[in-house]
Each structure stands twice: as structure tokens, then as C-alpha cells.
């Protein structure tokens, strides 16, 4: 997931921020420049959320049932670069 060093939000905070951005844009009180900036931030946050969800999905896939037991397999998160 996101870390504080990169300036990225944790997943839940990203969702809250996205909701705030949508509400801001729906208000109709933004200039074109502010709208574009807000949209750009929303796209960035959406991509971060998609990455976090993808990592979570991968980790869940690694938790598999074998012989009636859940087995936790090692998981190495892919680099964001």
C-alpha cells in the first residue's frame, strides 16, 4: 500500500479524498484550471487505489486452502516504479 514517504494516502484516506474531490467538482464552483487540477488528483488517487486493491487481491489469492488448512504463502509486493 501507500507509504507516507511518497506522499501517498493510505487506501481508506484515498477513498475519502476521492469522495471530497467528486463533491468539489459536482459543486460547479471551480474554475477550469481548478477543475483540471482536481481531476488530475482524482486520477492519481484512483490509480493508487487500484494498485492497493490489486496487491490485496494477490495476497488473498496466496491464502489458499490445501488439505483443509489455510496456507499463508510468502508474498513479495511488486515495485511501484
N, C-alpha and C. Protein backbone atom coordinates (compact mmCIF):
# COMPACT_ATOMS: atom_id res chain seq x y z
N UNK A 1 0.83 -1.19 0.00
CA UNK A 1 0.00 0.00 0.00
C UNK A 1 0.87 1.24 0.00
N UNK A 2 0.23 2.34 0.14
CA UNK A 2 0.95 3.61 0.06
C UNK A 2 1.75 3.84 1.32
N UNK A 3 2.82 4.59 1.17
CA UNK A 3 3.58 4.94 2.35
C UNK A 3 3.68 6.44 2.47
N UNK A 4 3.99 6.89 3.68
CA UNK A 4 4.00 8.33 3.93
C UNK A 4 5.15 9.04 3.24
N UNK A 5 6.25 8.34 3.00
CA UNK A 5 7.41 8.97 2.38
C UNK A 5 7.12 9.43 0.96
N UNK A 6 6.25 8.69 0.24
CA UNK A 6 5.96 9.04 -1.14
C UNK A 6 4.90 10.13 -1.26
N UNK A 7 4.30 10.50 -0.12
CA UNK A 7 3.25 11.50 -0.15
C UNK A 7 1.91 10.90 -0.51
N UNK A 8 1.84 9.58 -0.63
CA UNK A 8 0.60 8.91 -0.99
C UNK A 8 -0.26 8.68 0.25
N UNK A 9 -1.56 8.59 0.00
CA UNK A 9 -2.52 8.36 1.08
C UNK A 9 -2.68 6.87 1.34
N UNK A 10 -2.99 6.49 2.59
CA UNK A 10 -3.44 5.11 2.81
C UNK A 10 -4.75 4.89 2.05
N UNK A 11 -5.11 3.65 1.80
CA UNK A 11 -6.26 3.33 0.96
C UNK A 11 -7.55 4.02 1.40
N UNK A 12 -7.89 3.89 2.67
CA UNK A 12 -9.16 4.46 3.15
C UNK A 12 -9.16 5.99 3.03
N UNK A 13 -8.03 6.59 3.33
CA UNK A 13 -7.93 8.05 3.21
C UNK A 13 -8.04 8.47 1.74
N UNK A 14 -7.50 7.65 0.85
CA UNK A 14 -7.61 7.94 -0.59
C UNK A 14 -9.06 7.93 -1.03
N UNK A 15 -9.81 6.95 -0.55
CA UNK A 15 -11.23 6.89 -0.91
C UNK A 15 -11.99 8.11 -0.39
N UNK A 16 -11.69 8.51 0.84
CA UNK A 16 -12.34 9.70 1.40
C UNK A 16 -11.97 10.94 0.60
N UNK A 17 -10.70 11.05 0.22
CA UNK A 17 -10.25 12.20 -0.56
C UNK A 17 -10.92 12.21 -1.93
N UNK A 18 -11.04 11.04 -2.55
CA UNK A 18 -11.72 10.95 -3.84
C UNK A 18 -13.17 11.43 -3.72
N UNK A 19 -13.84 11.02 -2.67
CA UNK A 19 -15.23 11.46 -2.47
C UNK A 19 -15.30 12.99 -2.33
N UNK A 20 -14.35 13.55 -1.58
CA UNK A 20 -14.31 15.00 -1.41
C UNK A 20 -14.06 15.70 -2.75
N UNK A 21 -13.18 15.14 -3.57
CA UNK A 21 -12.89 15.72 -4.88
C UNK A 21 -14.13 15.68 -5.79
N UNK A 22 -14.84 14.56 -5.76
CA UNK A 22 -16.06 14.44 -6.58
C UNK A 22 -17.07 15.49 -6.13
N UNK A 23 -17.28 15.61 -4.83
CA UNK A 23 -18.22 16.61 -4.31
C UNK A 23 -17.80 18.02 -4.73
N UNK A 24 -16.52 18.29 -4.67
CA UNK A 24 -16.00 19.61 -5.06
C UNK A 24 -16.28 19.89 -6.53
N UNK A 25 -16.03 18.89 -7.38
CA UNK A 25 -16.25 19.09 -8.81
C UNK A 25 -17.74 19.20 -9.13
N UNK A 26 -18.56 18.43 -8.42
CA UNK A 26 -20.00 18.48 -8.67
C UNK A 26 -20.63 19.80 -8.23
N UNK A 27 -19.93 20.52 -7.36
CA UNK A 27 -20.48 21.80 -6.89
C UNK A 27 -20.60 22.80 -8.04
N UNK A 28 -19.75 22.65 -9.05
CA UNK A 28 -19.80 23.55 -10.19
C UNK A 28 -19.18 24.91 -9.93
N UNK A 29 -18.49 25.05 -8.82
CA UNK A 29 -17.91 26.35 -8.45
C UNK A 29 -16.42 26.45 -8.72
N UNK A 30 -15.87 25.55 -9.51
CA UNK A 30 -14.44 25.56 -9.78
C UNK A 30 -14.14 26.24 -11.12
N UNK A 31 -12.99 26.88 -11.17
CA UNK A 31 -12.52 27.40 -12.45
C UNK A 31 -12.07 26.21 -13.30
N UNK A 32 -11.84 26.45 -14.56
CA UNK A 32 -11.36 25.39 -15.44
C UNK A 32 -10.04 24.84 -14.92
N UNK A 33 -9.14 25.72 -14.53
CA UNK A 33 -7.83 25.30 -14.01
C UNK A 33 -7.99 24.45 -12.75
N UNK A 34 -8.86 24.88 -11.83
CA UNK A 34 -9.09 24.12 -10.60
C UNK A 34 -9.75 22.77 -10.91
N UNK A 35 -10.65 22.76 -11.87
CA UNK A 35 -11.30 21.51 -12.27
C UNK A 35 -10.28 20.51 -12.81
N UNK A 36 -9.39 20.98 -13.66
CA UNK A 36 -8.36 20.11 -14.23
C UNK A 36 -7.42 19.59 -13.15
N UNK A 37 -7.03 20.45 -12.24
CA UNK A 37 -6.15 20.06 -11.14
C UNK A 37 -6.82 19.03 -10.24
N UNK A 38 -8.09 19.25 -9.95
CA UNK A 38 -8.86 18.33 -9.11
C UNK A 38 -9.03 16.99 -9.82
N UNK A 39 -9.33 17.03 -11.10
CA UNK A 39 -9.47 15.81 -11.89
C UNK A 39 -8.16 15.04 -11.91
N UNK A 40 -7.05 15.74 -12.10
CA UNK A 40 -5.74 15.10 -12.13
C UNK A 40 -5.44 14.39 -10.80
N UNK A 41 -5.73 15.05 -9.69
CA UNK A 41 -5.52 14.43 -8.39
C UNK A 41 -6.42 13.20 -8.23
N UNK A 42 -7.65 13.30 -8.71
CA UNK A 42 -8.57 12.18 -8.64
C UNK A 42 -8.07 10.97 -9.41
N UNK A 43 -7.53 11.22 -10.59
CA UNK A 43 -6.98 10.13 -11.41
C UNK A 43 -5.81 9.49 -10.69
N UNK A 44 -4.93 10.29 -10.10
CA UNK A 44 -3.77 9.76 -9.37
C UNK A 44 -4.23 8.89 -8.20
N UNK A 45 -5.20 9.39 -7.44
CA UNK A 45 -5.71 8.63 -6.30
C UNK A 45 -6.40 7.34 -6.75
N UNK A 46 -7.12 7.42 -7.86
CA UNK A 46 -7.79 6.22 -8.39
C UNK A 46 -6.75 5.16 -8.74
N UNK A 47 -5.68 5.56 -9.36
CA UNK A 47 -4.62 4.60 -9.73
C UNK A 47 -3.97 4.00 -8.49
N UNK A 48 -3.72 4.83 -7.47
CA UNK A 48 -3.16 4.32 -6.22
C UNK A 48 -4.10 3.29 -5.58
N UNK A 49 -5.39 3.59 -5.59
CA UNK A 49 -6.38 2.66 -5.02
C UNK A 49 -6.42 1.35 -5.81
N UNK A 50 -6.36 1.46 -7.12
CA UNK A 50 -6.36 0.25 -7.96
C UNK A 50 -5.14 -0.61 -7.67
N UNK A 51 -3.97 0.02 -7.49
CA UNK A 51 -2.76 -0.73 -7.14
C UNK A 51 -2.91 -1.42 -5.79
N UNK A 52 -3.43 -0.70 -4.81
CA UNK A 52 -3.62 -1.27 -3.47
C UNK A 52 -4.58 -2.44 -3.52
N UNK A 53 -5.68 -2.29 -4.27
CA UNK A 53 -6.64 -3.38 -4.39
C UNK A 53 -6.03 -4.58 -5.11
N UNK A 54 -5.23 -4.32 -6.12
CA UNK A 54 -4.56 -5.40 -6.83
C UNK A 54 -3.62 -6.18 -5.92
N UNK A 55 -2.89 -5.45 -5.08
CA UNK A 55 -1.99 -6.11 -4.13
C UNK A 55 -2.77 -6.94 -3.12
N UNK A 56 -3.87 -6.39 -2.64
CA UNK A 56 -4.70 -7.12 -1.68
C UNK A 56 -5.28 -8.38 -2.32
N UNK A 57 -5.74 -8.25 -3.55
CA UNK A 57 -6.28 -9.40 -4.26
C UNK A 57 -5.22 -10.49 -4.43
N UNK A 58 -4.03 -10.08 -4.77
CA UNK A 58 -2.94 -11.04 -4.95
C UNK A 58 -2.63 -11.75 -3.63
N UNK A 59 -2.62 -11.02 -2.56
CA UNK A 59 -2.35 -11.61 -1.26
C UNK A 59 -3.44 -12.60 -0.88
N UNK A 60 -4.70 -12.26 -1.16
CA UNK A 60 -5.81 -13.16 -0.87
C UNK A 60 -5.67 -14.44 -1.70
N UNK A 61 -5.26 -14.30 -2.94
CA UNK A 61 -5.07 -15.48 -3.79
C UNK A 61 -4.00 -16.40 -3.22
N UNK A 62 -3.02 -15.80 -2.54
CA UNK A 62 -1.95 -16.62 -1.97
C UNK A 62 -2.39 -17.37 -0.72
N UNK A 63 -3.47 -16.92 -0.13
CA UNK A 63 -4.04 -17.65 1.01
C UNK A 63 -4.96 -18.72 0.44
N UNK A 64 -4.43 -19.87 0.27
CA UNK A 64 -5.21 -20.92 -0.37
C UNK A 64 -5.47 -22.06 0.61
N UNK A 65 -6.53 -22.78 0.33
CA UNK A 65 -6.86 -23.92 1.17
C UNK A 65 -6.24 -25.17 0.56
N UNK A 66 -5.44 -25.83 1.38
CA UNK A 66 -4.82 -27.09 0.94
C UNK A 66 -5.01 -28.11 2.04
N UNK A 67 -5.58 -29.23 1.67
CA UNK A 67 -5.82 -30.31 2.62
C UNK A 67 -6.59 -29.83 3.84
N UNK A 68 -7.58 -28.96 3.63
CA UNK A 68 -8.42 -28.49 4.72
C UNK A 68 -7.79 -27.41 5.58
N UNK A 69 -6.60 -26.95 5.22
CA UNK A 69 -5.93 -25.91 6.01
C UNK A 69 -5.65 -24.70 5.12
N UNK A 70 -5.74 -23.54 5.72
CA UNK A 70 -5.33 -22.34 5.00
C UNK A 70 -3.82 -22.23 5.10
N UNK A 71 -3.21 -22.01 4.00
CA UNK A 71 -1.76 -21.90 3.95
C UNK A 71 -1.38 -20.50 3.53
N UNK A 72 -0.59 -19.83 4.34
CA UNK A 72 -0.14 -18.48 4.05
C UNK A 72 1.19 -18.57 3.32
N UNK A 73 1.20 -18.22 2.04
CA UNK A 73 2.41 -18.28 1.23
C UNK A 73 3.11 -16.93 1.25
N UNK A 74 4.40 -16.92 1.04
CA UNK A 74 5.17 -15.67 1.00
C UNK A 74 4.66 -14.78 -0.12
N UNK A 75 4.66 -13.50 0.14
CA UNK A 75 4.19 -12.53 -0.84
C UNK A 75 5.18 -11.39 -0.94
N UNK A 76 5.69 -11.16 -2.13
CA UNK A 76 6.58 -10.02 -2.38
C UNK A 76 5.81 -9.03 -3.24
N UNK A 77 5.50 -7.85 -2.66
CA UNK A 77 4.78 -6.82 -3.39
C UNK A 77 5.63 -6.31 -4.53
N UNK A 78 5.04 -6.09 -5.71
CA UNK A 78 5.79 -5.54 -6.84
C UNK A 78 6.16 -4.09 -6.58
N UNK A 79 7.27 -3.66 -7.17
CA UNK A 79 7.70 -2.28 -7.06
C UNK A 79 6.73 -1.39 -7.81
N UNK A 80 6.53 -0.16 -7.32
CA UNK A 80 5.64 0.80 -7.98
C UNK A 80 6.29 1.50 -9.15
N UNK A 81 7.59 1.36 -9.29
CA UNK A 81 8.32 2.08 -10.34
C UNK A 81 8.13 1.51 -11.69
